[in-house]
Amino acid sequence: MKSWPIVAIAVSALAAGAAFYLARRQSPAPDAAPAAIEVPAAQLAATLPDFQLADRDGQLKSLQDWPDQALIVNFWATWCAPCRREIPLLQQLQRDHGPEGFQVIGIAVDFRDKVLAYADEMQIEYPLLIGEQEALDAAAAFGVEAVGFPFTVFSDRQGRIVTSHMGELTAVQASLILDAVRNVDSGLVSIESARADLETALARLPPPATGAE
């Protein structure tokens, strides 16, 4: 009976999406959608960190290669079921909001051959940056202590980080966050006010339904 608390803690951690990339060699990520976690703003880096990862063609790219764009930086892996479910939404966000200055960047924390094959299968249209440990280091550079997948960071056009979202993103959540970024970019509100308003709006949403593949 003494082992039950340990089991409960482990199950809770998995449900929250806190499985680390390095554990991928031992077991796959769970299929259940992890609970969404809003990383405290004080914990986030103030601006997009400077790092380089190889794109689909093997060319080194950094987030600074998309200037004057509000970035949606999504960390994912092919073995992560919630990540895979999220890709169609990211595709739609790029199609709908790319013309107004939003750019989705997928950062795959995974083996390159698996990422390229899956990207071709899913016909992913937005840019991908790919790495193993170096991609995990890039995620840590955003200021989070424990990175669960999927993990998405939203910046304004100046490269300032507005907010982040750990867990599978829903269309409603994305809409609220993009509205907040627009308000920051237009000068209507400060980043601090946008974060506070966004925290309140997201907290009012009902819990997202748990999906399965």
N, C-alpha and C. Protein backbone atom coordinates (compact mmCIF):
# COMPACT_ATOMS: atom_id res chain seq x y z
N MET A 1 0.81 -1.21 0.00
CA MET A 1 0.00 0.00 0.00
C MET A 1 0.85 1.27 0.00
N LYS A 2 2.08 1.17 0.53
CA LYS A 2 2.91 2.34 0.60
C LYS A 2 3.33 2.84 -0.78
N SER A 3 3.20 1.98 -1.78
CA SER A 3 3.61 2.40 -3.13
C SER A 3 2.57 3.27 -3.82
N TRP A 4 1.33 3.30 -3.31
CA TRP A 4 0.28 4.06 -3.98
C TRP A 4 0.60 5.54 -4.12
N PRO A 5 1.11 6.25 -3.11
CA PRO A 5 1.43 7.68 -3.31
C PRO A 5 2.42 7.90 -4.44
N ILE A 6 3.40 6.99 -4.58
CA ILE A 6 4.38 7.14 -5.64
C ILE A 6 3.72 6.98 -7.00
N VAL A 7 2.83 5.96 -7.12
CA VAL A 7 2.11 5.74 -8.37
C VAL A 7 1.24 6.94 -8.71
N ALA A 8 0.57 7.48 -7.72
CA ALA A 8 -0.32 8.63 -7.95
C ALA A 8 0.46 9.83 -8.45
N ILE A 9 1.64 10.06 -7.88
CA ILE A 9 2.45 11.19 -8.31
C ILE A 9 2.90 11.00 -9.75
N ALA A 10 3.31 9.78 -10.09
CA ALA A 10 3.77 9.51 -11.46
C ALA A 10 2.65 9.71 -12.47
N VAL A 11 1.46 9.20 -12.16
CA VAL A 11 0.33 9.36 -13.08
C VAL A 11 -0.03 10.83 -13.24
N SER A 12 0.01 11.58 -12.15
CA SER A 12 -0.31 13.00 -12.21
C SER A 12 0.68 13.74 -13.09
N ALA A 13 1.94 13.40 -12.96
CA ALA A 13 2.96 14.06 -13.76
C ALA A 13 2.76 13.80 -15.25
N LEU A 14 2.43 12.55 -15.60
CA LEU A 14 2.19 12.22 -16.99
C LEU A 14 0.99 12.96 -17.53
N ALA A 15 -0.08 13.02 -16.76
CA ALA A 15 -1.30 13.69 -17.20
C ALA A 15 -1.06 15.16 -17.42
N ALA A 16 -0.13 15.73 -16.70
CA ALA A 16 0.17 17.16 -16.84
C ALA A 16 1.11 17.44 -17.99
N GLY A 17 1.53 16.40 -18.67
CA GLY A 17 2.42 16.61 -19.81
C GLY A 17 3.84 16.91 -19.42
N ALA A 18 4.29 16.42 -18.26
CA ALA A 18 5.61 16.77 -17.77
C ALA A 18 6.66 15.75 -18.13
N ALA A 19 6.36 14.84 -19.05
CA ALA A 19 7.35 13.85 -19.48
C ALA A 19 8.44 14.55 -20.27
N PHE A 20 9.68 14.27 -19.97
CA PHE A 20 10.78 14.94 -20.63
C PHE A 20 11.16 14.23 -21.92
N TYR A 21 11.74 14.98 -22.82
CA TYR A 21 12.18 14.42 -24.10
C TYR A 21 13.18 13.28 -23.92
N LEU A 22 14.07 13.40 -22.97
CA LEU A 22 15.08 12.37 -22.80
C LEU A 22 14.48 11.03 -22.41
N ALA A 23 13.27 11.03 -21.87
CA ALA A 23 12.62 9.78 -21.48
C ALA A 23 12.02 9.05 -22.67
N ARG A 24 12.07 9.67 -23.86
CA ARG A 24 11.43 9.08 -25.04
C ARG A 24 12.05 7.74 -25.39
N ARG A 25 13.32 7.52 -25.02
CA ARG A 25 14.00 6.30 -25.36
C ARG A 25 13.48 5.12 -24.54
N GLN A 26 12.82 5.44 -23.39
CA GLN A 26 12.37 4.40 -22.49
C GLN A 26 10.91 4.04 -22.70
N SER A 27 10.06 5.03 -22.96
CA SER A 27 8.63 4.77 -23.13
C SER A 27 7.99 5.91 -23.88
N PRO A 28 6.91 5.66 -24.64
CA PRO A 28 6.23 6.72 -25.38
C PRO A 28 5.42 7.60 -24.45
N ALA A 29 5.12 8.80 -24.93
CA ALA A 29 4.27 9.70 -24.16
C ALA A 29 2.86 9.18 -24.14
N PRO A 30 2.06 9.51 -23.10
CA PRO A 30 0.68 9.03 -23.02
C PRO A 30 -0.19 9.68 -24.08
N ASP A 31 -1.24 8.96 -24.50
CA ASP A 31 -2.14 9.49 -25.51
C ASP A 31 -3.11 10.51 -24.94
N ALA A 32 -3.37 10.48 -23.66
CA ALA A 32 -4.32 11.42 -23.07
C ALA A 32 -3.79 12.83 -23.18
N ALA A 33 -4.70 13.79 -23.46
CA ALA A 33 -4.29 15.18 -23.56
C ALA A 33 -3.86 15.69 -22.20
N PRO A 34 -2.67 16.32 -22.10
CA PRO A 34 -2.23 16.83 -20.82
C PRO A 34 -3.02 18.06 -20.42
N ALA A 35 -3.11 18.29 -19.13
CA ALA A 35 -3.79 19.48 -18.65
C ALA A 35 -3.00 20.71 -19.08
N ALA A 36 -3.71 21.75 -19.52
CA ALA A 36 -3.04 22.97 -19.94
C ALA A 36 -2.44 23.67 -18.74
N ILE A 37 -1.25 24.21 -18.92
CA ILE A 37 -0.57 24.91 -17.85
C ILE A 37 -0.09 26.24 -18.39
N GLU A 38 -0.51 27.34 -17.77
CA GLU A 38 -0.01 28.65 -18.15
C GLU A 38 1.21 28.93 -17.30
N VAL A 39 2.37 29.04 -17.94
CA VAL A 39 3.61 29.29 -17.21
C VAL A 39 3.58 30.71 -16.68
N PRO A 40 3.89 30.94 -15.39
CA PRO A 40 3.88 32.30 -14.84
C PRO A 40 4.74 33.23 -15.66
N ALA A 41 4.22 34.44 -15.94
CA ALA A 41 4.94 35.38 -16.78
C ALA A 41 6.31 35.72 -16.20
N ALA A 42 6.41 35.78 -14.88
CA ALA A 42 7.68 36.14 -14.25
C ALA A 42 8.74 35.08 -14.51
N GLN A 43 8.33 33.89 -14.85
CA GLN A 43 9.25 32.78 -15.08
C GLN A 43 9.75 32.76 -16.51
N LEU A 44 9.04 33.43 -17.43
CA LEU A 44 9.39 33.40 -18.84
C LEU A 44 10.52 34.38 -19.15
N ALA A 45 11.29 34.04 -20.20
CA ALA A 45 12.25 34.99 -20.71
C ALA A 45 11.48 36.21 -21.24
N ALA A 46 12.11 37.38 -21.21
CA ALA A 46 11.43 38.59 -21.65
C ALA A 46 11.31 38.65 -23.17
N THR A 47 12.31 38.11 -23.86
CA THR A 47 12.30 38.14 -25.32
C THR A 47 12.66 36.76 -25.86
N LEU A 48 12.44 36.57 -27.15
CA LEU A 48 12.75 35.29 -27.78
C LEU A 48 14.25 35.01 -27.65
N PRO A 49 14.63 33.85 -27.12
CA PRO A 49 16.05 33.54 -26.97
C PRO A 49 16.71 33.31 -28.32
N ASP A 50 18.02 33.50 -28.33
CA ASP A 50 18.78 33.37 -29.57
C ASP A 50 19.45 31.99 -29.60
N PHE A 51 18.98 31.13 -30.48
CA PHE A 51 19.57 29.82 -30.67
C PHE A 51 19.41 29.44 -32.14
N GLN A 52 20.11 28.44 -32.57
CA GLN A 52 20.02 27.98 -33.96
C GLN A 52 19.73 26.48 -34.00
N LEU A 53 18.82 26.11 -34.89
CA LEU A 53 18.50 24.71 -35.14
C LEU A 53 18.36 24.51 -36.65
N ALA A 54 18.56 23.29 -37.10
CA ALA A 54 18.46 23.00 -38.52
C ALA A 54 17.00 22.94 -38.96
N ASP A 55 16.72 23.50 -40.13
CA ASP A 55 15.37 23.42 -40.68
C ASP A 55 15.23 22.13 -41.50
N ARG A 56 14.15 22.00 -42.23
CA ARG A 56 13.90 20.75 -42.98
C ARG A 56 14.95 20.50 -44.06
N ASP A 57 15.59 21.57 -44.53
CA ASP A 57 16.63 21.43 -45.54
C ASP A 57 18.03 21.30 -44.94
N GLY A 58 18.10 21.29 -43.61
CA GLY A 58 19.39 21.17 -42.96
C GLY A 58 20.11 22.49 -42.75
N GLN A 59 19.45 23.61 -43.07
CA GLN A 59 20.04 24.93 -42.89
C GLN A 59 19.77 25.44 -41.47
N LEU A 60 20.80 26.04 -40.85
CA LEU A 60 20.61 26.57 -39.51
C LEU A 60 19.75 27.83 -39.55
N LYS A 61 18.77 27.86 -38.67
CA LYS A 61 17.86 29.01 -38.57
C LYS A 61 17.70 29.40 -37.11
N SER A 62 17.40 30.66 -36.90
CA SER A 62 17.06 31.15 -35.56
C SER A 62 15.70 31.82 -35.63
N LEU A 63 15.09 32.07 -34.49
CA LEU A 63 13.79 32.74 -34.47
C LEU A 63 13.90 34.17 -34.96
N GLN A 64 15.09 34.71 -34.93
CA GLN A 64 15.30 36.07 -35.42
C GLN A 64 15.27 36.13 -36.96
N ASP A 65 15.18 34.98 -37.61
CA ASP A 65 15.08 34.95 -39.07
C ASP A 65 13.67 35.28 -39.56
N TRP A 66 12.75 35.52 -38.64
CA TRP A 66 11.38 35.95 -39.00
C TRP A 66 11.12 37.30 -38.35
N PRO A 67 11.79 38.35 -38.82
CA PRO A 67 11.62 39.67 -38.20
C PRO A 67 10.24 40.26 -38.47
N ASP A 68 9.82 41.11 -37.55
CA ASP A 68 8.54 41.82 -37.70
C ASP A 68 7.36 40.86 -37.85
N GLN A 69 7.49 39.67 -37.25
CA GLN A 69 6.40 38.71 -37.23
C GLN A 69 6.06 38.40 -35.78
N ALA A 70 4.78 38.23 -35.49
CA ALA A 70 4.35 37.74 -34.18
C ALA A 70 4.43 36.22 -34.24
N LEU A 71 5.33 35.64 -33.46
CA LEU A 71 5.59 34.21 -33.60
C LEU A 71 4.74 33.34 -32.68
N ILE A 72 4.38 32.19 -33.22
CA ILE A 72 3.73 31.12 -32.45
C ILE A 72 4.71 29.96 -32.50
N VAL A 73 5.51 29.81 -31.45
CA VAL A 73 6.59 28.83 -31.42
C VAL A 73 6.11 27.59 -30.68
N ASN A 74 5.99 26.50 -31.42
CA ASN A 74 5.38 25.28 -30.88
C ASN A 74 6.41 24.15 -30.78
N PHE A 75 6.69 23.72 -29.54
CA PHE A 75 7.57 22.59 -29.30
C PHE A 75 6.74 21.31 -29.30
N TRP A 76 7.20 20.31 -30.05
CA TRP A 76 6.42 19.09 -30.21
C TRP A 76 7.35 17.91 -30.50
N ALA A 77 6.77 16.72 -30.58
CA ALA A 77 7.51 15.52 -30.93
C ALA A 77 6.57 14.55 -31.62
N THR A 78 7.11 13.70 -32.47
CA THR A 78 6.25 12.77 -33.21
C THR A 78 5.62 11.73 -32.30
N TRP A 79 6.27 11.42 -31.15
CA TRP A 79 5.74 10.40 -30.25
C TRP A 79 4.68 10.95 -29.29
N CYS A 80 4.42 12.24 -29.37
CA CYS A 80 3.49 12.91 -28.45
C CYS A 80 2.11 13.02 -29.11
N ALA A 81 1.14 12.24 -28.63
CA ALA A 81 -0.19 12.23 -29.24
C ALA A 81 -0.88 13.59 -29.19
N PRO A 82 -0.86 14.31 -28.05
CA PRO A 82 -1.47 15.65 -28.06
C PRO A 82 -0.81 16.60 -29.06
N CYS A 83 0.51 16.44 -29.24
CA CYS A 83 1.20 17.26 -30.25
C CYS A 83 0.66 16.99 -31.64
N ARG A 84 0.47 15.71 -31.94
CA ARG A 84 -0.02 15.33 -33.27
C ARG A 84 -1.45 15.85 -33.49
N ARG A 85 -2.27 15.77 -32.44
CA ARG A 85 -3.64 16.27 -32.57
C ARG A 85 -3.67 17.77 -32.79
N GLU A 86 -2.67 18.47 -32.28
CA GLU A 86 -2.63 19.93 -32.33
C GLU A 86 -2.21 20.47 -33.69
N ILE A 87 -1.53 19.66 -34.48
CA ILE A 87 -0.97 20.14 -35.74
C ILE A 87 -2.01 20.72 -36.70
N PRO A 88 -3.18 20.09 -36.90
CA PRO A 88 -4.17 20.71 -37.80
C PRO A 88 -4.58 22.11 -37.35
N LEU A 89 -4.68 22.33 -36.03
CA LEU A 89 -5.02 23.67 -35.55
C LEU A 89 -3.91 24.66 -35.90
N LEU A 90 -2.66 24.25 -35.70
CA LEU A 90 -1.54 25.13 -36.04
C LEU A 90 -1.52 25.43 -37.53
N GLN A 91 -1.81 24.44 -38.34
CA GLN A 91 -1.90 24.66 -39.79
C GLN A 91 -2.97 25.71 -40.11
N GLN A 92 -4.11 25.59 -39.44
CA GLN A 92 -5.20 26.53 -39.69
C GLN A 92 -4.86 27.94 -39.20
N LEU A 93 -4.18 28.02 -38.06
CA LEU A 93 -3.76 29.34 -37.57
C LEU A 93 -2.83 30.01 -38.56
N GLN A 94 -1.92 29.24 -39.15
CA GLN A 94 -1.00 29.82 -40.12
C GLN A 94 -1.75 30.30 -41.36
N ARG A 95 -2.68 29.50 -41.84
CA ARG A 95 -3.43 29.90 -43.04
C ARG A 95 -4.28 31.14 -42.77
N ASP A 96 -4.95 31.15 -41.61
CA ASP A 96 -5.89 32.24 -41.33
C ASP A 96 -5.20 33.53 -40.92
N HIS A 97 -4.10 33.41 -40.19
CA HIS A 97 -3.50 34.61 -39.57
C HIS A 97 -2.12 34.94 -40.08
N GLY A 98 -1.56 34.10 -40.95
CA GLY A 98 -0.28 34.43 -41.55
C GLY A 98 -0.30 35.76 -42.29
N PRO A 99 -1.35 36.03 -43.08
CA PRO A 99 -1.38 37.28 -43.84
C PRO A 99 -1.37 38.53 -42.97
N GLU A 100 -1.79 38.40 -41.69
CA GLU A 100 -1.79 39.59 -40.83
C GLU A 100 -0.53 39.68 -39.98
N GLY A 101 0.43 38.78 -40.20
CA GLY A 101 1.70 38.93 -39.51
C GLY A 101 2.02 37.91 -38.44
N PHE A 102 1.21 36.86 -38.31
CA PHE A 102 1.52 35.78 -37.38
C PHE A 102 2.28 34.68 -38.13
N GLN A 103 3.25 34.09 -37.47
CA GLN A 103 4.02 33.02 -38.08
C GLN A 103 4.19 31.86 -37.11
N VAL A 104 3.71 30.70 -37.50
CA VAL A 104 3.90 29.49 -36.71
C VAL A 104 5.28 28.91 -37.02
N ILE A 105 6.03 28.58 -35.98
CA ILE A 105 7.32 27.90 -36.12
C ILE A 105 7.23 26.63 -35.27
N GLY A 106 7.35 25.48 -35.90
CA GLY A 106 7.35 24.23 -35.15
C GLY A 106 8.78 23.84 -34.80
N ILE A 107 9.02 23.53 -33.53
CA ILE A 107 10.34 23.05 -33.11
C ILE A 107 10.17 21.62 -32.64
N ALA A 108 10.70 20.70 -33.44
CA ALA A 108 10.54 19.28 -33.16
C ALA A 108 11.70 18.78 -32.30
N VAL A 109 11.37 18.31 -31.12
CA VAL A 109 12.37 17.76 -30.20
C VAL A 109 12.36 16.25 -30.41
N ASP A 110 13.07 15.81 -31.44
CA ASP A 110 12.89 14.43 -31.90
C ASP A 110 13.99 14.08 -32.88
N PHE A 111 13.98 12.82 -33.32
CA PHE A 111 14.94 12.37 -34.32
C PHE A 111 14.56 12.96 -35.68
N ARG A 112 15.57 13.42 -36.40
CA ARG A 112 15.34 14.14 -37.65
C ARG A 112 14.58 13.31 -38.68
N ASP A 113 14.95 12.04 -38.84
CA ASP A 113 14.29 11.22 -39.86
C ASP A 113 12.82 11.02 -39.56
N LYS A 114 12.49 10.85 -38.28
CA LYS A 114 11.08 10.68 -37.90
C LYS A 114 10.29 11.96 -38.15
N VAL A 115 10.90 13.11 -37.86
CA VAL A 115 10.22 14.39 -38.06
C VAL A 115 9.96 14.64 -39.54
N LEU A 116 10.95 14.41 -40.38
CA LEU A 116 10.79 14.66 -41.81
C LEU A 116 9.72 13.76 -42.41
N ALA A 117 9.71 12.50 -42.00
CA ALA A 117 8.70 11.57 -42.52
C ALA A 117 7.30 11.99 -42.08
N TYR A 118 7.16 12.37 -40.81
CA TYR A 118 5.84 12.75 -40.31
C TYR A 118 5.39 14.08 -40.91
N ALA A 119 6.30 15.01 -41.08
CA ALA A 119 5.96 16.30 -41.67
C ALA A 119 5.46 16.12 -43.10
N ASP A 120 6.09 15.21 -43.85
CA ASP A 120 5.62 14.92 -45.21
C ASP A 120 4.25 14.26 -45.19
N GLU A 121 4.07 13.33 -44.26
CA GLU A 121 2.78 12.63 -44.16
C GLU A 121 1.64 13.60 -43.84
N MET A 122 1.90 14.53 -42.91
CA MET A 122 0.88 15.49 -42.48
C MET A 122 0.83 16.73 -43.36
N GLN A 123 1.77 16.84 -44.30
CA GLN A 123 1.85 18.01 -45.18
C GLN A 123 1.92 19.30 -44.36
N ILE A 124 2.81 19.31 -43.40
CA ILE A 124 2.99 20.50 -42.57
C ILE A 124 3.55 21.62 -43.43
N GLU A 125 2.88 22.75 -43.42
CA GLU A 125 3.24 23.85 -44.30
C GLU A 125 4.11 24.90 -43.62
N TYR A 126 4.01 25.04 -42.32
CA TYR A 126 4.79 26.08 -41.63
C TYR A 126 6.22 25.59 -41.40
N PRO A 127 7.15 26.51 -41.16
CA PRO A 127 8.56 26.13 -41.00
C PRO A 127 8.77 25.22 -39.78
N LEU A 128 9.72 24.29 -39.92
CA LEU A 128 10.09 23.41 -38.82
C LEU A 128 11.57 23.54 -38.53
N LEU A 129 11.91 23.59 -37.25
CA LEU A 129 13.29 23.50 -36.79
C LEU A 129 13.39 22.20 -36.01
N ILE A 130 14.51 21.50 -36.16
CA ILE A 130 14.59 20.13 -35.66
C ILE A 130 15.86 19.92 -34.85
N GLY A 131 15.74 19.22 -33.73
CA GLY A 131 16.91 18.88 -32.94
C GLY A 131 16.57 17.87 -31.88
N GLU A 132 17.58 17.35 -31.22
CA GLU A 132 17.38 16.44 -30.10
C GLU A 132 17.70 17.20 -28.82
N GLN A 133 18.86 16.96 -28.22
CA GLN A 133 19.18 17.68 -26.99
C GLN A 133 19.23 19.19 -27.20
N GLU A 134 19.73 19.63 -28.37
CA GLU A 134 19.83 21.06 -28.62
C GLU A 134 18.45 21.71 -28.70
N ALA A 135 17.44 20.98 -29.17
CA ALA A 135 16.08 21.52 -29.21
C ALA A 135 15.49 21.57 -27.81
N LEU A 136 15.82 20.58 -26.99
CA LEU A 136 15.37 20.61 -25.61
C LEU A 136 16.02 21.78 -24.86
N ASP A 137 17.29 22.03 -25.16
CA ASP A 137 17.97 23.19 -24.57
C ASP A 137 17.30 24.49 -25.01
N ALA A 138 16.85 24.53 -26.26
CA ALA A 138 16.15 25.72 -26.76
C ALA A 138 14.87 25.96 -25.99
N ALA A 139 14.13 24.88 -25.69
CA ALA A 139 12.90 25.02 -24.91
C ALA A 139 13.22 25.57 -23.52
N ALA A 140 14.28 25.06 -22.90
CA ALA A 140 14.66 25.53 -21.57
C ALA A 140 15.06 27.00 -21.59
N ALA A 141 15.57 27.48 -22.73
CA ALA A 141 16.01 28.86 -22.83
C ALA A 141 14.84 29.85 -22.71
N PHE A 142 13.61 29.35 -22.85
CA PHE A 142 12.45 30.23 -22.68
C PHE A 142 12.13 30.49 -21.22
N GLY A 143 12.81 29.79 -20.30
CA GLY A 143 12.66 30.10 -18.89
C GLY A 143 11.82 29.14 -18.08
N VAL A 144 11.39 28.02 -18.67
CA VAL A 144 10.60 27.05 -17.93
C VAL A 144 11.52 25.98 -17.36
N GLU A 145 11.21 25.54 -16.15
CA GLU A 145 12.06 24.57 -15.49
C GLU A 145 11.79 23.14 -15.96
N ALA A 146 10.54 22.83 -16.25
CA ALA A 146 10.16 21.49 -16.71
C ALA A 146 9.30 21.65 -17.96
N VAL A 147 9.81 21.18 -19.06
CA VAL A 147 9.12 21.35 -20.34
C VAL A 147 8.30 20.11 -20.65
N GLY A 148 6.98 20.28 -20.76
CA GLY A 148 6.10 19.21 -21.21
C GLY A 148 5.64 19.52 -22.62
N PHE A 149 5.26 18.54 -23.36
CA PHE A 149 4.86 18.73 -24.75
C PHE A 149 3.37 18.43 -24.94
N PRO A 150 2.72 19.20 -25.81
CA PRO A 150 3.25 20.35 -26.54
C PRO A 150 3.42 21.57 -25.65
N PHE A 151 4.30 22.48 -26.09
CA PHE A 151 4.59 23.71 -25.37
C PHE A 151 4.67 24.82 -26.41
N THR A 152 3.87 25.86 -26.23
CA THR A 152 3.77 26.91 -27.24
C THR A 152 4.03 28.28 -26.63
N VAL A 153 4.85 29.06 -27.30
CA VAL A 153 5.19 30.42 -26.85
C VAL A 153 4.70 31.41 -27.89
N PHE A 154 4.13 32.52 -27.43
CA PHE A 154 3.59 33.55 -28.31
C PHE A 154 4.36 34.85 -28.09
N SER A 155 4.87 35.42 -29.18
CA SER A 155 5.59 36.69 -29.07
C SER A 155 4.90 37.75 -29.91
N ASP A 156 5.21 39.02 -29.59
CA ASP A 156 4.71 40.10 -30.43
C ASP A 156 5.69 40.35 -31.56
N ARG A 157 5.44 41.36 -32.38
CA ARG A 157 6.27 41.62 -33.55
C ARG A 157 7.69 42.08 -33.19
N GLN A 158 7.86 42.55 -31.94
CA GLN A 158 9.17 43.00 -31.50
C GLN A 158 9.99 41.89 -30.85
N GLY A 159 9.45 40.68 -30.85
CA GLY A 159 10.17 39.58 -30.25
C GLY A 159 10.01 39.48 -28.75
N ARG A 160 9.08 40.23 -28.19
CA ARG A 160 8.83 40.16 -26.75
C ARG A 160 7.83 39.02 -26.48
N ILE A 161 8.11 38.20 -25.49
CA ILE A 161 7.24 37.07 -25.18
C ILE A 161 6.02 37.57 -24.42
N VAL A 162 4.85 37.33 -25.00
CA VAL A 162 3.60 37.76 -24.37
C VAL A 162 3.09 36.71 -23.39
N THR A 163 3.09 35.45 -23.82
CA THR A 163 2.63 34.38 -22.94
C THR A 163 3.08 33.03 -23.49
N SER A 164 2.84 31.98 -22.72
CA SER A 164 3.11 30.63 -23.18
C SER A 164 1.98 29.72 -22.72
N HIS A 165 1.94 28.54 -23.31
CA HIS A 165 0.88 27.58 -23.00
C HIS A 165 1.47 26.18 -23.05
N MET A 166 1.41 25.47 -21.94
CA MET A 166 1.92 24.10 -21.90
C MET A 166 0.73 23.15 -21.90
N GLY A 167 0.66 22.30 -22.90
CA GLY A 167 -0.48 21.41 -23.06
C GLY A 167 -1.09 21.63 -24.43
N GLU A 168 -2.04 20.79 -24.78
CA GLU A 168 -2.69 20.88 -26.09
C GLU A 168 -3.52 22.15 -26.19
N LEU A 169 -3.29 22.92 -27.22
CA LEU A 169 -3.96 24.19 -27.43
C LEU A 169 -5.30 23.97 -28.12
N THR A 170 -6.32 24.70 -27.67
CA THR A 170 -7.62 24.65 -28.33
C THR A 170 -7.81 25.90 -29.19
N ALA A 171 -8.77 25.85 -30.10
CA ALA A 171 -9.03 26.98 -30.98
C ALA A 171 -9.47 28.20 -30.18
N VAL A 172 -10.26 27.99 -29.14
CA VAL A 172 -10.74 29.12 -28.33
C VAL A 172 -9.58 29.76 -27.58
N GLN A 173 -8.73 28.94 -26.99
CA GLN A 173 -7.56 29.48 -26.29
C GLN A 173 -6.67 30.25 -27.25
N ALA A 174 -6.44 29.68 -28.43
CA ALA A 174 -5.59 30.35 -29.42
C ALA A 174 -6.17 31.69 -29.82
N SER A 175 -7.48 31.76 -29.99
CA SER A 175 -8.13 33.00 -30.38
C SER A 175 -7.93 34.09 -29.33
N LEU A 176 -8.09 33.72 -28.07
CA LEU A 176 -7.90 34.69 -26.99
C LEU A 176 -6.45 35.18 -26.94
N ILE A 177 -5.52 34.26 -27.10
CA ILE A 177 -4.11 34.63 -27.03
C ILE A 177 -3.72 35.52 -28.21
N LEU A 178 -4.18 35.18 -29.42
CA LEU A 178 -3.85 36.01 -30.58
C LEU A 178 -4.46 37.41 -30.45
N ASP A 179 -5.64 37.51 -29.86
CA ASP A 179 -6.24 38.82 -29.61
C ASP A 179 -5.35 39.64 -28.68
N ALA A 180 -4.81 38.98 -27.65
CA ALA A 180 -3.93 39.68 -26.71
C ALA A 180 -2.67 40.17 -27.41
N VAL A 181 -2.10 39.33 -28.27
CA VAL A 181 -0.90 39.74 -29.01
C VAL A 181 -1.22 40.91 -29.92
N ARG A 182 -2.36 40.88 -30.59
CA ARG A 182 -2.76 41.99 -31.46
C ARG A 182 -2.85 43.29 -30.66
N ASN A 183 -3.45 43.21 -29.48
CA ASN A 183 -3.60 44.41 -28.66
C ASN A 183 -2.26 44.98 -28.23
N VAL A 184 -1.31 44.09 -27.96
CA VAL A 184 0.04 44.55 -27.62
C VAL A 184 0.70 45.19 -28.83
N ASP A 185 0.61 44.53 -29.99
CA ASP A 185 1.24 45.05 -31.20
C ASP A 185 0.65 46.39 -31.63
N SER A 186 -0.63 46.57 -31.39
CA SER A 186 -1.29 47.82 -31.79
C SER A 186 -1.06 48.94 -30.79
N GLY A 187 -0.46 48.62 -29.64
CA GLY A 187 -0.21 49.63 -28.62
C GLY A 187 -1.41 49.94 -27.75
N LEU A 188 -2.48 49.14 -27.88
CA LEU A 188 -3.67 49.38 -27.07
C LEU A 188 -3.43 49.08 -25.60
N VAL A 189 -2.61 48.07 -25.33
CA VAL A 189 -2.33 47.69 -23.94
C VAL A 189 -0.85 47.35 -23.82
N SER A 190 -0.37 47.38 -22.58
CA SER A 190 0.99 46.94 -22.31
C SER A 190 1.02 45.41 -22.23
N ILE A 191 2.20 44.83 -22.32
CA ILE A 191 2.30 43.38 -22.18
C ILE A 191 1.77 42.94 -20.82
N GLU A 192 2.08 43.71 -19.79
CA GLU A 192 1.62 43.34 -18.45
C GLU A 192 0.10 43.31 -18.36
N SER A 193 -0.55 44.32 -18.95
CA SER A 193 -2.02 44.35 -18.93
C SER A 193 -2.60 43.23 -19.78
N ALA A 194 -1.98 42.98 -20.92
CA ALA A 194 -2.46 41.91 -21.79
C ALA A 194 -2.37 40.57 -21.08
N ARG A 195 -1.29 40.34 -20.36
CA ARG A 195 -1.13 39.08 -19.63
C ARG A 195 -2.19 38.93 -18.56
N ALA A 196 -2.45 40.00 -17.82
CA ALA A 196 -3.44 39.94 -16.76
C ALA A 196 -4.83 39.67 -17.32
N ASP A 197 -5.18 40.38 -18.39
CA ASP A 197 -6.49 40.18 -19.01
C ASP A 197 -6.61 38.76 -19.58
N LEU A 198 -5.53 38.29 -20.17
CA LEU A 198 -5.53 36.96 -20.77
C LEU A 198 -5.67 35.88 -19.70
N GLU A 199 -4.99 36.05 -18.59
CA GLU A 199 -5.10 35.08 -17.50
C GLU A 199 -6.54 34.96 -17.02
N THR A 200 -7.21 36.10 -16.90
CA THR A 200 -8.61 36.09 -16.47
C THR A 200 -9.50 35.42 -17.50
N ALA A 201 -9.30 35.76 -18.77
CA ALA A 201 -10.14 35.20 -19.84
C ALA A 201 -9.95 33.69 -19.96
N LEU A 202 -8.72 33.23 -19.89
CA LEU A 202 -8.46 31.79 -20.01
C LEU A 202 -9.01 31.03 -18.82
N ALA A 203 -8.95 31.64 -17.65
CA ALA A 203 -9.45 30.97 -16.46
C ALA A 203 -10.96 30.76 -16.51
N ARG A 204 -11.65 31.56 -17.28
CA ARG A 204 -13.10 31.47 -17.39
C ARG A 204 -13.55 30.38 -18.35
N LEU A 205 -12.63 29.89 -19.15
CA LEU A 205 -13.00 28.85 -20.13
C LEU A 205 -13.25 27.52 -19.44
N PRO A 206 -14.21 26.75 -19.92
CA PRO A 206 -14.41 25.39 -19.38
C PRO A 206 -13.21 24.54 -19.73
N PRO A 207 -12.94 23.50 -18.94
CA PRO A 207 -11.81 22.61 -19.24
C PRO A 207 -12.01 21.99 -20.61
N PRO A 208 -10.93 21.92 -21.40
CA PRO A 208 -11.06 21.28 -22.73
C PRO A 208 -11.35 19.81 -22.60
N ALA A 209 -12.13 19.30 -23.54
CA ALA A 209 -12.45 17.86 -23.53
C ALA A 209 -11.20 17.06 -23.85
N THR A 210 -11.05 15.93 -23.19
CA THR A 210 -9.91 15.06 -23.45
C THR A 210 -10.19 14.25 -24.71
N GLY A 211 -9.27 14.34 -25.68
CA GLY A 211 -9.45 13.64 -26.95
C GLY A 211 -8.64 12.38 -27.00
N ALA A 212 -8.92 11.60 -27.99
CA ALA A 212 -8.15 10.38 -28.22
C ALA A 212 -8.01 10.18 -29.71
N GLU A 213 -6.89 9.59 -30.11
CA GLU A 213 -6.65 9.39 -31.53
C GLU A 213 -7.52 8.27 -32.06
